[in-house]
Amino acid sequence: MMSRAIIKPMGFVVWLWLWLPQTAQAQFLDGFDHFQRGEFCEAREAWLDNEPDGDSSSAFGIAETYSRGLCIKEDQIQASRWYLTAALRGFARGRAEIGIRYAYGKGVAPNAYKSYVWLSIARLTAAKWETDFRENLVVNINLMRRVLTAAESAKADEVIAQYRQTYRMPREFEIL
């Protein structure tokens, strides 16, 4: 039988484990509500407050403010850095956005190989209910696949296969 001294700390750990994601989600939604009302500075502040906790949604929201020049000077390089942060933290839409940015060279040097990999990983990790998002990803993946060399295609397939096993991106994808 467990002593009460062990059960109390374990109960706190379980409570903390359940509470923290809800807090991060609530803070992101607070920023999102501000964003929807056109209160971009307040949205950005809410997301900046939440971002140090590692919330991928907040990093994506911050990226949107840089990308669109909302409450801050437009800066596509900074936007790309924040989208990459969201992508590395597991946000499928962040992964898709960084893939698109590599396709068009927006805030990053154009790179079809990285674009294809990021779009493919976004497709793998997108929620099943996001059907329109997933369909758009397939279209973009197919477009990018056409411009890859045979060597790039083979390398991309290796990266994607490795991701499926480890859920980690190679170091070359952790920097812009």
Protein backbone atom coordinates (compact mmCIF):
# COMPACT_ATOMS: atom_id res chain seq x y z
CA MET A 1 0.00 0.00 0.00
CA MET A 2 1.32 3.45 -0.94
CA SER A 3 1.83 5.93 1.80
CA ARG A 4 -0.04 9.22 1.74
CA ALA A 5 3.30 11.04 1.42
CA ILE A 6 3.75 9.49 -2.05
CA ILE A 7 0.13 9.80 -3.17
CA LYS A 8 -0.10 13.57 -2.54
CA PRO A 9 2.90 14.49 -4.73
CA MET A 10 1.71 12.04 -7.39
CA GLY A 11 -1.72 13.66 -7.33
CA PHE A 12 -0.14 17.07 -7.79
CA VAL A 13 1.95 15.81 -10.73
CA VAL A 14 -1.16 14.36 -12.41
CA TRP A 15 -3.08 17.60 -11.81
CA LEU A 16 -0.18 19.66 -13.19
CA TRP A 17 0.09 17.35 -16.22
CA LEU A 18 -3.61 17.81 -16.97
CA TRP A 19 -3.71 21.53 -16.16
CA LEU A 20 -0.67 22.82 -18.10
CA PRO A 21 -1.89 21.94 -21.61
CA GLN A 22 -5.27 23.49 -20.84
CA THR A 23 -3.58 26.67 -19.62
CA ALA A 24 -1.46 26.88 -22.78
CA GLN A 25 -4.54 26.24 -24.91
CA ALA A 26 -6.52 28.89 -23.02
CA GLN A 27 -3.72 31.43 -23.47
CA PHE A 28 -3.48 30.69 -27.19
CA LEU A 29 -7.26 31.04 -27.51
CA ASP A 30 -7.10 34.35 -25.64
CA GLY A 31 -4.66 35.58 -28.29
CA PHE A 32 -6.80 34.10 -31.05
CA ASP A 33 -9.89 35.88 -29.73
CA HIS A 34 -8.00 39.18 -29.79
CA PHE A 35 -6.77 38.41 -33.30
CA GLN A 36 -10.31 37.69 -34.54
CA ARG A 37 -11.47 41.04 -33.14
CA GLY A 38 -8.63 42.86 -34.92
CA GLU A 39 -6.79 43.51 -31.65
CA PHE A 40 -3.45 42.42 -33.07
CA CYS A 41 -1.19 43.95 -30.41
CA GLU A 42 -3.16 42.23 -27.65
CA ALA A 43 -3.08 38.94 -29.56
CA ARG A 44 0.67 39.21 -30.02
CA GLU A 45 1.16 39.97 -26.32
CA ALA A 46 -0.94 36.97 -25.29
CA TRP A 47 1.05 34.70 -27.60
CA LEU A 48 4.39 36.13 -26.46
CA ASP A 49 3.37 35.49 -22.84
CA ASN A 50 2.54 31.89 -23.70
CA GLU A 51 5.42 31.10 -26.06
CA PRO A 52 8.15 30.44 -23.45
CA ASP A 53 6.05 27.47 -22.29
CA GLY A 54 6.76 25.82 -25.64
CA ASP A 55 3.31 26.24 -27.13
CA SER A 56 3.45 25.63 -30.88
CA SER A 57 0.17 27.45 -31.55
CA SER A 58 1.46 30.64 -29.97
CA ALA A 59 4.66 30.48 -32.04
CA PHE A 60 2.45 30.18 -35.13
CA GLY A 61 0.38 33.19 -34.04
CA ILE A 62 3.52 35.27 -33.51
CA ALA A 63 4.70 34.24 -36.98
CA GLU A 64 1.42 35.47 -38.44
CA THR A 65 1.95 38.92 -36.92
CA TYR A 66 5.41 39.18 -38.49
CA SER A 67 4.23 37.77 -41.81
CA ARG A 68 1.33 40.23 -42.09
CA GLY A 69 2.94 43.20 -40.36
CA LEU A 70 0.30 43.30 -37.63
CA CYS A 71 1.31 45.36 -34.60
CA ILE A 72 4.91 45.00 -35.72
CA LYS A 73 6.88 45.81 -38.84
CA GLU A 74 6.47 43.10 -41.47
CA ASP A 75 9.52 40.85 -41.41
CA GLN A 76 9.40 37.68 -43.51
CA ILE A 77 12.67 36.32 -42.09
CA GLN A 78 11.35 36.63 -38.52
CA ALA A 79 8.05 35.15 -39.64
CA SER A 80 9.91 32.17 -41.08
CA ARG A 81 11.84 31.71 -37.84
CA TRP A 82 8.61 31.64 -35.85
CA TYR A 83 6.91 29.29 -38.33
CA LEU A 84 9.93 27.01 -38.01
CA THR A 85 9.61 27.13 -34.23
CA ALA A 86 5.96 26.11 -34.50
CA ALA A 87 6.88 23.36 -36.98
CA LEU A 88 9.62 21.94 -34.77
CA ARG A 89 7.21 21.93 -31.84
CA GLY A 90 4.83 19.76 -33.84
CA PHE A 91 2.25 22.18 -35.24
CA ALA A 92 1.11 20.79 -38.61
CA ARG A 93 0.09 24.19 -39.95
CA GLY A 94 3.51 25.57 -39.01
CA ARG A 95 5.07 22.68 -40.92
CA ALA A 96 2.91 23.43 -43.94
CA GLU A 97 3.71 27.14 -43.83
CA ILE A 98 7.47 26.60 -43.65
CA GLY A 99 7.13 24.14 -46.54
CA ILE A 100 5.31 26.76 -48.61
CA ARG A 101 7.91 29.36 -47.68
CA TYR A 102 10.68 27.09 -48.94
CA ALA A 103 8.72 26.57 -52.16
CA TYR A 104 8.43 30.31 -52.83
CA GLY A 105 11.55 31.59 -51.08
CA LYS A 106 9.54 33.77 -48.73
CA GLY A 107 11.81 34.70 -45.81
CA VAL A 108 14.09 31.76 -46.65
CA ALA A 109 16.19 30.68 -49.62
CA PRO A 110 14.07 28.62 -52.04
CA ASN A 111 14.60 24.90 -51.47
CA ALA A 112 12.33 22.36 -53.17
CA TYR A 113 13.75 19.46 -51.17
CA LYS A 114 13.02 21.08 -47.78
CA SER A 115 9.65 22.26 -49.05
CA TYR A 116 8.66 18.75 -50.08
CA VAL A 117 9.79 17.23 -46.78
CA TRP A 118 8.05 19.83 -44.60
CA LEU A 119 4.81 19.56 -46.59
CA SER A 120 4.95 15.77 -46.36
CA ILE A 121 5.53 15.85 -42.60
CA ALA A 122 2.67 18.33 -42.26
CA ARG A 123 0.43 15.86 -44.12
CA LEU A 124 1.50 13.03 -41.83
CA THR A 125 0.78 15.04 -38.69
CA ALA A 126 -2.35 16.96 -39.69
CA ALA A 127 -5.51 15.99 -37.87
CA LYS A 128 -7.72 13.60 -39.81
CA TRP A 129 -10.69 15.97 -39.54
CA GLU A 130 -8.77 18.76 -41.33
CA THR A 131 -9.81 17.43 -44.71
CA ASP A 132 -9.45 20.65 -46.74
CA PHE A 133 -6.05 21.33 -45.20
CA ARG A 134 -4.89 17.78 -45.95
CA GLU A 135 -6.19 17.94 -49.53
CA ASN A 136 -4.31 21.20 -50.13
CA LEU A 137 -1.18 19.61 -48.74
CA VAL A 138 -1.47 16.73 -51.20
CA VAL A 139 -1.73 19.17 -54.11
CA ASN A 140 1.35 21.08 -52.94
CA ILE A 141 3.31 17.89 -52.20
CA ASN A 142 2.63 16.65 -55.72
CA LEU A 143 3.72 19.97 -57.21
CA MET A 144 6.97 19.96 -55.24
CA ARG A 145 7.71 16.31 -56.02
CA ARG A 146 7.78 17.17 -59.73
CA VAL A 147 10.66 19.61 -59.31
CA LEU A 148 12.89 17.35 -57.21
CA THR A 149 15.84 15.59 -58.76
CA ALA A 150 15.97 11.81 -58.39
CA ALA A 151 18.63 12.19 -55.70
CA GLU A 152 16.57 14.79 -53.79
CA SER A 153 13.47 12.62 -54.05
CA ALA A 154 15.31 9.59 -52.66
CA LYS A 155 16.84 11.67 -49.84
CA ALA A 156 13.45 13.19 -49.00
CA ASP A 157 11.84 9.76 -48.84
CA GLU A 158 14.58 8.65 -46.43
CA VAL A 159 14.00 11.67 -44.19
CA ILE A 160 10.24 11.06 -44.17
CA ALA A 161 10.70 7.34 -43.42
CA GLN A 162 13.09 8.19 -40.58
CA TYR A 163 10.60 10.72 -39.22
CA ARG A 164 7.90 8.05 -39.16
CA GLN A 165 10.15 5.96 -36.91
CA THR A 166 11.59 8.63 -34.61
CA TYR A 167 9.26 11.64 -34.92
CA ARG A 168 12.38 13.79 -35.19
CA MET A 169 13.62 15.96 -38.00
CA PRO A 170 17.29 15.88 -39.06
CA ARG A 171 19.44 18.78 -37.83
CA GLU A 172 19.48 20.36 -41.30
CA PHE A 173 15.75 21.09 -40.83
CA GLU A 174 16.20 22.78 -37.46
CA ILE A 175 17.72 25.90 -39.01
CA LEU A 176 16.56 28.13 -41.84
